[in-house]
Amino acid sequence: MYSYIDFSEDIAAGHEIMFTYRDKEYSISISQGGWYFTKVEDYENAIRYESADELLIQVRIANKTLEEVFNSGNLSDFSIN
């Protein structure tokens, strides 16, 4: 079973991840400027992080950490590139 540890390792390895949580689409990506967390409908306001660890610790969706969101069972349309 795919776990939060797998999720965090995939992010650290540079994989781009997209998912839906409570009917909103989100993406996590990497580029030369760092790691980016984006609410897809508001992509112009992507938040940049220096590292995967910083992103994993600091991102909040509805006041929940990514780990809480991942473990909630409310994710859908999850994809890894």
PDB file of N, CA and C in Angstrom:
ATOM      1  N   MET A   1       0.841  -1.189   0.000  1.00  0.00           N
ATOM      2  CA  MET A   1       0.000   0.000   0.000  1.00  0.00           C
ATOM      3  C   MET A   1       0.885   1.251   0.000  1.00  0.00           C
ATOM      4  N   TYR A   2       0.530   2.212  -0.818  1.00  0.00           N
ATOM      5  CA  TYR A   2       1.266   3.464  -0.936  1.00  0.00           C
ATOM      6  C   TYR A   2       1.026   4.298   0.329  1.00  0.00           C
ATOM      7  N   SER A   3       2.105   4.678   0.998  1.00  0.00           N
ATOM      8  CA  SER A   3       2.001   5.362   2.296  1.00  0.00           C
ATOM      9  C   SER A   3       2.486   6.811   2.197  1.00  0.00           C
ATOM     10  N   TYR A   4       2.319   7.562   3.266  1.00  0.00           N
ATOM     11  CA  TYR A   4       2.842   8.923   3.322  1.00  0.00           C
ATOM     12  C   TYR A   4       4.362   8.914   3.186  1.00  0.00           C
ATOM     13  N   ILE A   5       5.024   7.917   3.731  1.00  0.00           N
ATOM     14  CA  ILE A   5       6.483   7.810   3.584  1.00  0.00           C
ATOM     15  C   ILE A   5       6.845   7.668   2.105  1.00  0.00           C
ATOM     16  N   ASP A   6       6.113   6.827   1.372  1.00  0.00           N
ATOM     17  CA  ASP A   6       6.335   6.691  -0.073  1.00  0.00           C
ATOM     18  C   ASP A   6       6.119   8.039  -0.772  1.00  0.00           C
ATOM     19  N   PHE A   7       5.047   8.714  -0.406  1.00  0.00           N
ATOM     20  CA  PHE A   7       4.707  10.024  -0.945  1.00  0.00           C
ATOM     21  C   PHE A   7       5.852  11.018  -0.726  1.00  0.00           C
ATOM     22  N   SER A   8       6.349  11.104   0.502  1.00  0.00           N
ATOM     23  CA  SER A   8       7.421  12.049   0.812  1.00  0.00           C
ATOM     24  C   SER A   8       8.720  11.665   0.096  1.00  0.00           C
ATOM     25  N   GLU A   9       8.992  10.371  -0.029  1.00  0.00           N
ATOM     26  CA  GLU A   9      10.188   9.932  -0.761  1.00  0.00           C
ATOM     27  C   GLU A   9      10.083  10.249  -2.250  1.00  0.00           C
ATOM     28  N   ASP A  10       8.882  10.113  -2.819  1.00  0.00           N
ATOM     29  CA  ASP A  10       8.684  10.453  -4.229  1.00  0.00           C
ATOM     30  C   ASP A  10       8.902  11.942  -4.466  1.00  0.00           C
ATOM     31  N   ILE A  11       8.434  12.768  -3.548  1.00  0.00           N
ATOM     32  CA  ILE A  11       8.650  14.211  -3.661  1.00  0.00           C
ATOM     33  C   ILE A  11      10.149  14.514  -3.578  1.00  0.00           C
ATOM     34  N   ALA A  12      10.820  13.937  -2.601  1.00  0.00           N
ATOM     35  CA  ALA A  12      12.258  14.167  -2.430  1.00  0.00           C
ATOM     36  C   ALA A  12      13.054  13.702  -3.647  1.00  0.00           C
ATOM     37  N   ALA A  13      12.566  12.672  -4.346  1.00  0.00           N
ATOM     38  CA  ALA A  13      13.248  12.146  -5.525  1.00  0.00           C
ATOM     39  C   ALA A  13      12.993  13.003  -6.772  1.00  0.00           C
ATOM     40  N   GLY A  14      12.150  14.022  -6.642  1.00  0.00           N
ATOM     41  CA  GLY A  14      11.910  14.928  -7.757  1.00  0.00           C
ATOM     42  C   GLY A  14      10.692  14.631  -8.595  1.00  0.00           C
ATOM     43  N   HIS A  15       9.855  13.720  -8.141  1.00  0.00           N
ATOM     44  CA  HIS A  15       8.634  13.414  -8.887  1.00  0.00           C
ATOM     45  C   HIS A  15       7.613  14.531  -8.709  1.00  0.00           C
ATOM     46  N   GLU A  16       6.889  14.813  -9.776  1.00  0.00           N
ATOM     47  CA  GLU A  16       5.791  15.763  -9.696  1.00  0.00           C
ATOM     48  C   GLU A  16       4.546  14.993  -9.306  1.00  0.00           C
ATOM     49  N   ILE A  17       3.759  15.581  -8.431  1.00  0.00           N
ATOM     50  CA  ILE A  17       2.582  14.907  -7.906  1.00  0.00           C
ATOM     51  C   ILE A  17       1.380  15.826  -8.054  1.00  0.00           C
ATOM     52  N   MET A  18       0.281  15.259  -8.500  1.00  0.00           N
ATOM     53  CA  MET A  18      -0.980  15.988  -8.574  1.00  0.00           C
ATOM     54  C   MET A  18      -2.025  15.180  -7.826  1.00  0.00           C
ATOM     55  N   PHE A  19      -2.920  15.899  -7.165  1.00  0.00           N
ATOM     56  CA  PHE A  19      -3.996  15.228  -6.444  1.00  0.00           C
ATOM     57  C   PHE A  19      -5.165  16.171  -6.252  1.00  0.00           C
ATOM     58  N   THR A  20      -6.308  15.584  -5.932  1.00  0.00           N
ATOM     59  CA  THR A  20      -7.501  16.347  -5.611  1.00  0.00           C
ATOM     60  C   THR A  20      -7.842  16.084  -4.150  1.00  0.00           C
ATOM     61  N   TYR A  21      -8.158  17.166  -3.442  1.00  0.00           N
ATOM     62  CA  TYR A  21      -8.570  17.077  -2.044  1.00  0.00           C
ATOM     63  C   TYR A  21      -9.754  18.019  -1.857  1.00  0.00           C
ATOM     64  N   ARG A  22     -10.863  17.463  -1.438  1.00  0.00           N
ATOM     65  CA  ARG A  22     -12.098  18.238  -1.241  1.00  0.00           C
ATOM     66  C   ARG A  22     -12.439  19.072  -2.475  1.00  0.00           C
ATOM     67  N   ASP A  23     -12.431  18.395  -3.609  1.00  0.00           N
ATOM     68  CA  ASP A  23     -12.821  18.973  -4.904  1.00  0.00           C
ATOM     69  C   ASP A  23     -11.910  20.090  -5.413  1.00  0.00           C
ATOM     70  N   LYS A  24     -10.713  20.216  -4.871  1.00  0.00           N
ATOM     71  CA  LYS A  24      -9.729  21.185  -5.345  1.00  0.00           C
ATOM     72  C   LYS A  24      -8.496  20.415  -5.806  1.00  0.00           C
ATOM     73  N   GLU A  25      -7.936  20.827  -6.954  1.00  0.00           N
ATOM     74  CA  GLU A  25      -6.753  20.168  -7.485  1.00  0.00           C
ATOM     75  C   GLU A  25      -5.492  20.893  -7.027  1.00  0.00           C
ATOM     76  N   TYR A  26      -4.477  20.093  -6.674  1.00  0.00           N
ATOM     77  CA  TYR A  26      -3.196  20.616  -6.201  1.00  0.00           C
ATOM     78  C   TYR A  26      -2.066  19.935  -6.947  1.00  0.00           C
ATOM     79  N   SER A  27      -0.927  20.647  -7.037  1.00  0.00           N
ATOM     80  CA  SER A  27       0.248  20.025  -7.626  1.00  0.00           C
ATOM     81  C   SER A  27       1.485  20.376  -6.813  1.00  0.00           C
ATOM     82  N   ILE A  28       2.430  19.459  -6.854  1.00  0.00           N
ATOM     83  CA  ILE A  28       3.750  19.649  -6.255  1.00  0.00           C
ATOM     84  C   ILE A  28       4.747  19.389  -7.375  1.00  0.00           C
ATOM     85  N   SER A  29       5.613  20.380  -7.608  1.00  0.00           N
ATOM     86  CA  SER A  29       6.576  20.246  -8.705  1.00  0.00           C
ATOM     87  C   SER A  29       7.908  20.847  -8.298  1.00  0.00           C
ATOM     88  N   ILE A  30       8.910  20.575  -9.113  1.00  0.00           N
ATOM     89  CA  ILE A  30      10.249  21.102  -8.871  1.00  0.00           C
ATOM     90  C   ILE A  30      10.753  21.758 -10.149  1.00  0.00           C
ATOM     91  N   SER A  31      11.494  22.840  -9.977  1.00  0.00           N
ATOM     92  CA  SER A  31      12.167  23.481 -11.102  1.00  0.00           C
ATOM     93  C   SER A  31      13.464  24.079 -10.577  1.00  0.00           C
ATOM     94  N   GLN A  32      14.174  24.795 -11.410  1.00  0.00           N
ATOM     95  CA  GLN A  32      15.462  25.347 -11.002  1.00  0.00           C
ATOM     96  C   GLN A  32      15.336  26.270  -9.798  1.00  0.00           C
ATOM     97  N   GLY A  33      14.197  26.912  -9.626  1.00  0.00           N
ATOM     98  CA  GLY A  33      14.018  27.841  -8.527  1.00  0.00           C
ATOM     99  C   GLY A  33      13.641  27.207  -7.209  1.00  0.00           C
ATOM    100  N   GLY A  34      13.356  25.910  -7.189  1.00  0.00           N
ATOM    101  CA  GLY A  34      12.984  25.220  -5.961  1.00  0.00           C
ATOM    102  C   GLY A  34      11.760  24.348  -6.151  1.00  0.00           C
ATOM    103  N   TRP A  35      11.137  24.029  -5.041  1.00  0.00           N
ATOM    104  CA  TRP A  35       9.935  23.202  -5.009  1.00  0.00           C
ATOM    105  C   TRP A  35       8.722  24.110  -4.984  1.00  0.00           C
ATOM    106  N   TYR A  36       7.661  23.709  -5.678  1.00  0.00           N
ATOM    107  CA  TYR A  36       6.459  24.537  -5.762  1.00  0.00           C
ATOM    108  C   TYR A  36       5.223  23.749  -5.366  1.00  0.00           C
ATOM    109  N   PHE A  37       4.396  24.387  -4.556  1.00  0.00           N
ATOM    110  CA  PHE A  37       3.084  23.843  -4.207  1.00  0.00           C
ATOM    111  C   PHE A  37       2.053  24.784  -4.798  1.00  0.00           C
ATOM    112  N   THR A  38       1.117  24.214  -5.550  1.00  0.00           N
ATOM    113  CA  THR A  38       0.163  25.026  -6.291  1.00  0.00           C
ATOM    114  C   THR A  38      -1.242  24.484  -6.152  1.00  0.00           C
ATOM    115  N   LYS A  39      -2.182  25.386  -5.895  1.00  0.00           N
ATOM    116  CA  LYS A  39      -3.597  25.078  -6.058  1.00  0.00           C
ATOM    117  C   LYS A  39      -3.856  25.346  -7.531  1.00  0.00           C
ATOM    118  N   VAL A  40      -4.214  24.326  -8.296  1.00  0.00           N
ATOM    119  CA  VAL A  40      -4.238  24.411  -9.751  1.00  0.00           C
ATOM    120  C   VAL A  40      -5.079  25.582 -10.243  1.00  0.00           C
ATOM    121  N   GLU A  41      -6.202  25.847  -9.640  1.00  0.00           N
ATOM    122  CA  GLU A  41      -7.052  26.952 -10.100  1.00  0.00           C
ATOM    123  C   GLU A  41      -6.420  28.323  -9.838  1.00  0.00           C
ATOM    124  N   ASP A  42      -5.380  28.349  -9.026  1.00  0.00           N
ATOM    125  CA  ASP A  42      -4.711  29.598  -8.662  1.00  0.00           C
ATOM    126  C   ASP A  42      -3.209  29.471  -8.924  1.00  0.00           C
ATOM    127  N   TYR A  43      -2.854  28.894 -10.085  1.00  0.00           N
ATOM    128  CA  TYR A  43      -1.458  28.537 -10.370  1.00  0.00           C
ATOM    129  C   TYR A  43      -0.498  29.725 -10.360  1.00  0.00           C
ATOM    130  N   GLU A  44      -1.005  30.937 -10.587  1.00  0.00           N
ATOM    131  CA  GLU A  44      -0.123  32.107 -10.589  1.00  0.00           C
ATOM    132  C   GLU A  44       0.412  32.430  -9.197  1.00  0.00           C
ATOM    133  N   ASN A  45      -0.206  31.871  -8.171  1.00  0.00           N
ATOM    134  CA  ASN A  45       0.216  32.115  -6.790  1.00  0.00           C
ATOM    135  C   ASN A  45       0.872  30.887  -6.176  1.00  0.00           C
ATOM    136  N   ALA A  46       1.621  30.156  -6.985  1.00  0.00           N
ATOM    137  CA  ALA A  46       2.353  28.990  -6.474  1.00  0.00           C
ATOM    138  C   ALA A  46       3.300  29.443  -5.366  1.00  0.00           C
ATOM    139  N   ILE A  47       3.466  28.599  -4.381  1.00  0.00           N
ATOM    140  CA  ILE A  47       4.351  28.902  -3.256  1.00  0.00           C
ATOM    141  C   ILE A  47       5.645  28.127  -3.443  1.00  0.00           C
ATOM    142  N   ARG A  48       6.773  28.848  -3.368  1.00  0.00           N
ATOM    143  CA  ARG A  48       8.083  28.234  -3.588  1.00  0.00           C
ATOM    144  C   ARG A  48       8.732  27.877  -2.259  1.00  0.00           C
ATOM    145  N   TYR A  49       9.373  26.710  -2.245  1.00  0.00           N
ATOM    146  CA  TYR A  49      10.113  26.231  -1.076  1.00  0.00           C
ATOM    147  C   TYR A  49      11.526  25.879  -1.503  1.00  0.00           C
ATOM    148  N   GLU A  50      12.463  26.021  -0.604  1.00  0.00           N
ATOM    149  CA  GLU A  50      13.870  25.743  -0.897  1.00  0.00           C
ATOM    150  C   GLU A  50      14.158  24.250  -1.040  1.00  0.00           C
ATOM    151  N   SER A  51      13.383  23.417  -0.354  1.00  0.00           N
ATOM    152  CA  SER A  51      13.648  21.971  -0.364  1.00  0.00           C
ATOM    153  C   SER A  51      12.344  21.193  -0.246  1.00  0.00           C
ATOM    154  N   ALA A  52      12.436  19.907  -0.542  1.00  0.00           N
ATOM    155  CA  ALA A  52      11.283  19.030  -0.382  1.00  0.00           C
ATOM    156  C   ALA A  52      10.873  18.962   1.089  1.00  0.00           C
ATOM    157  N   ASP A  53      11.854  18.894   1.995  1.00  0.00           N
ATOM    158  CA  ASP A  53      11.544  18.839   3.422  1.00  0.00           C
ATOM    159  C   ASP A  53      10.783  20.077   3.874  1.00  0.00           C
ATOM    160  N   GLU A  54      11.235  21.241   3.418  1.00  0.00           N
ATOM    161  CA  GLU A  54      10.557  22.491   3.792  1.00  0.00           C
ATOM    162  C   GLU A  54       9.111  22.470   3.299  1.00  0.00           C
ATOM    163  N   LEU A  55       8.904  22.023   2.065  1.00  0.00           N
ATOM    164  CA  LEU A  55       7.555  21.928   1.516  1.00  0.00           C
ATOM    165  C   LEU A  55       6.701  20.979   2.348  1.00  0.00           C
ATOM    166  N   LEU A  56       7.217  19.804   2.630  1.00  0.00           N
ATOM    167  CA  LEU A  56       6.452  18.813   3.387  1.00  0.00           C
ATOM    168  C   LEU A  56       6.079  19.303   4.781  1.00  0.00           C
ATOM    169  N   ILE A  57       6.937  20.083   5.391  1.00  0.00           N
ATOM    170  CA  ILE A  57       6.681  20.585   6.750  1.00  0.00           C
ATOM    171  C   ILE A  57       5.737  21.781   6.744  1.00  0.00           C
ATOM    172  N   GLN A  58       5.882  22.667   5.764  1.00  0.00           N
ATOM    173  CA  GLN A  58       5.181  23.951   5.828  1.00  0.00           C
ATOM    174  C   GLN A  58       3.839  24.024   5.115  1.00  0.00           C
ATOM    175  N   VAL A  59       3.616  23.204   4.100  1.00  0.00           N
ATOM    176  CA  VAL A  59       2.358  23.297   3.350  1.00  0.00           C
ATOM    177  C   VAL A  59       1.179  22.965   4.254  1.00  0.00           C
ATOM    178  N   ARG A  60       0.124  23.778   4.107  1.00  0.00           N
ATOM    179  CA  ARG A  60      -1.129  23.540   4.827  1.00  0.00           C
ATOM    180  C   ARG A  60      -2.273  23.657   3.825  1.00  0.00           C
ATOM    181  N   ILE A  61      -3.206  22.726   3.949  1.00  0.00           N
ATOM    182  CA  ILE A  61      -4.446  22.779   3.190  1.00  0.00           C
ATOM    183  C   ILE A  61      -5.560  22.706   4.225  1.00  0.00           C
ATOM    184  N   ALA A  62      -6.379  23.732   4.292  1.00  0.00           N
ATOM    185  CA  ALA A  62      -7.454  23.802   5.287  1.00  0.00           C
ATOM    186  C   ALA A  62      -6.913  23.535   6.694  1.00  0.00           C
ATOM    187  N   ASN A  63      -5.768  24.154   6.992  1.00  0.00           N
ATOM    188  CA  ASN A  63      -5.100  24.040   8.294  1.00  0.00           C
ATOM    189  C   ASN A  63      -4.594  22.640   8.617  1.00  0.00           C
ATOM    190  N   LYS A  64      -4.441  21.795   7.615  1.00  0.00           N
ATOM    191  CA  LYS A  64      -3.914  20.439   7.815  1.00  0.00           C
ATOM    192  C   LYS A  64      -2.570  20.310   7.105  1.00  0.00           C
ATOM    193  N   THR A  65      -1.671  19.559   7.706  1.00  0.00           N
ATOM    194  CA  THR A  65      -0.393  19.274   7.064  1.00  0.00           C
ATOM    195  C   THR A  65      -0.624  18.338   5.882  1.00  0.00           C
ATOM    196  N   LEU A  66       0.376  18.241   5.007  1.00  0.00           N
ATOM    197  CA  LEU A  66       0.257  17.282   3.906  1.00  0.00           C
ATOM    198  C   LEU A  66       0.101  15.861   4.417  1.00  0.00           C
ATOM    199  N   GLU A  67       0.770  15.536   5.519  1.00  0.00           N
ATOM    200  CA  GLU A  67       0.622  14.195   6.085  1.00  0.00           C
ATOM    201  C   GLU A  67      -0.815  13.953   6.533  1.00  0.00           C
ATOM    202  N   GLU A  68      -1.426  14.924   7.185  1.00  0.00           N
ATOM    203  CA  GLU A  68      -2.818  14.778   7.620  1.00  0.00           C
ATOM    204  C   GLU A  68      -3.760  14.665   6.424  1.00  0.00           C
ATOM    205  N   VAL A  69      -3.513  15.476   5.400  1.00  0.00           N
ATOM    206  CA  VAL A  69      -4.325  15.418   4.188  1.00  0.00           C
ATOM    207  C   VAL A  69      -4.169  14.051   3.536  1.00  0.00           C
ATOM    208  N   PHE A  70      -2.923  13.592   3.382  1.00  0.00           N
ATOM    209  CA  PHE A  70      -2.658  12.300   2.750  1.00  0.00           C
ATOM    210  C   PHE A  70      -3.343  11.163   3.515  1.00  0.00           C
ATOM    211  N   ASN A  71      -3.245  11.188   4.837  1.00  0.00           N
ATOM    212  CA  ASN A  71      -3.790  10.108   5.658  1.00  0.00           C
ATOM    213  C   ASN A  71      -5.295  10.214   5.896  1.00  0.00           C
ATOM    214  N   SER A  72      -5.926  11.291   5.429  1.00  0.00           N
ATOM    215  CA  SER A  72      -7.361  11.486   5.661  1.00  0.00           C
ATOM    216  C   SER A  72      -8.227  10.529   4.848  1.00  0.00           C
ATOM    217  N   GLY A  73      -7.667  10.000   3.778  1.00  0.00           N
ATOM    218  CA  GLY A  73      -8.464   9.135   2.911  1.00  0.00           C
ATOM    219  C   GLY A  73      -9.343   9.922   1.941  1.00  0.00           C
ATOM    220  N   ASN A  74      -9.181  11.239   1.914  1.00  0.00           N
ATOM    221  CA  ASN A  74     -10.012  12.087   1.059  1.00  0.00           C
ATOM    222  C   ASN A  74      -9.312  12.540  -0.215  1.00  0.00           C
ATOM    223  N   LEU A  75      -8.185  11.920  -0.555  1.00  0.00           N
ATOM    224  CA  LEU A  75      -7.492  12.255  -1.793  1.00  0.00           C
ATOM    225  C   LEU A  75      -8.091  11.457  -2.954  1.00  0.00           C
ATOM    226  N   SER A  76      -8.130  12.095  -4.098  1.00  0.00           N
ATOM    227  CA  SER A  76      -8.555  11.379  -5.306  1.00  0.00           C
ATOM    228  C   SER A  76      -7.708  11.892  -6.467  1.00  0.00           C
ATOM    229  N   ASP A  77      -7.855  11.253  -7.614  1.00  0.00           N
ATOM    230  CA  ASP A  77      -7.117  11.628  -8.824  1.00  0.00           C
ATOM    231  C   ASP A  77      -5.631  11.832  -8.545  1.00  0.00           C
ATOM    232  N   PHE A  78      -5.051  10.956  -7.784  1.00  0.00           N
ATOM    233  CA  PHE A  78      -3.646  11.038  -7.378  1.00  0.00           C
ATOM    234  C   PHE A  78      -2.767  10.533  -8.520  1.00  0.00           C
ATOM    235  N   SER A  79      -1.775  11.349  -8.928  1.00  0.00           N
ATOM    236  CA  SER A  79      -0.865  10.892  -9.975  1.00  0.00           C
ATOM    237  C   SER A  79       0.553  11.338  -9.675  1.00  0.00           C
ATOM    238  N   ILE A  80       1.503  10.504 -10.098  1.00  0.00           N
ATOM    239  CA  ILE A  80       2.934  10.754  -9.890  1.00  0.00           C
ATOM    240  C   ILE A  80       3.604  10.721 -11.254  1.00  0.00           C
ATOM    241  N   ASN A  81       4.401  11.740 -11.533  1.00  0.00           N
ATOM    242  CA  ASN A  81       5.138  11.796 -12.806  1.00  0.00           C
ATOM    243  C   ASN A  81       6.607  11.867 -12.536  1.00  0.00           C
TER     244      ASN A  81
END
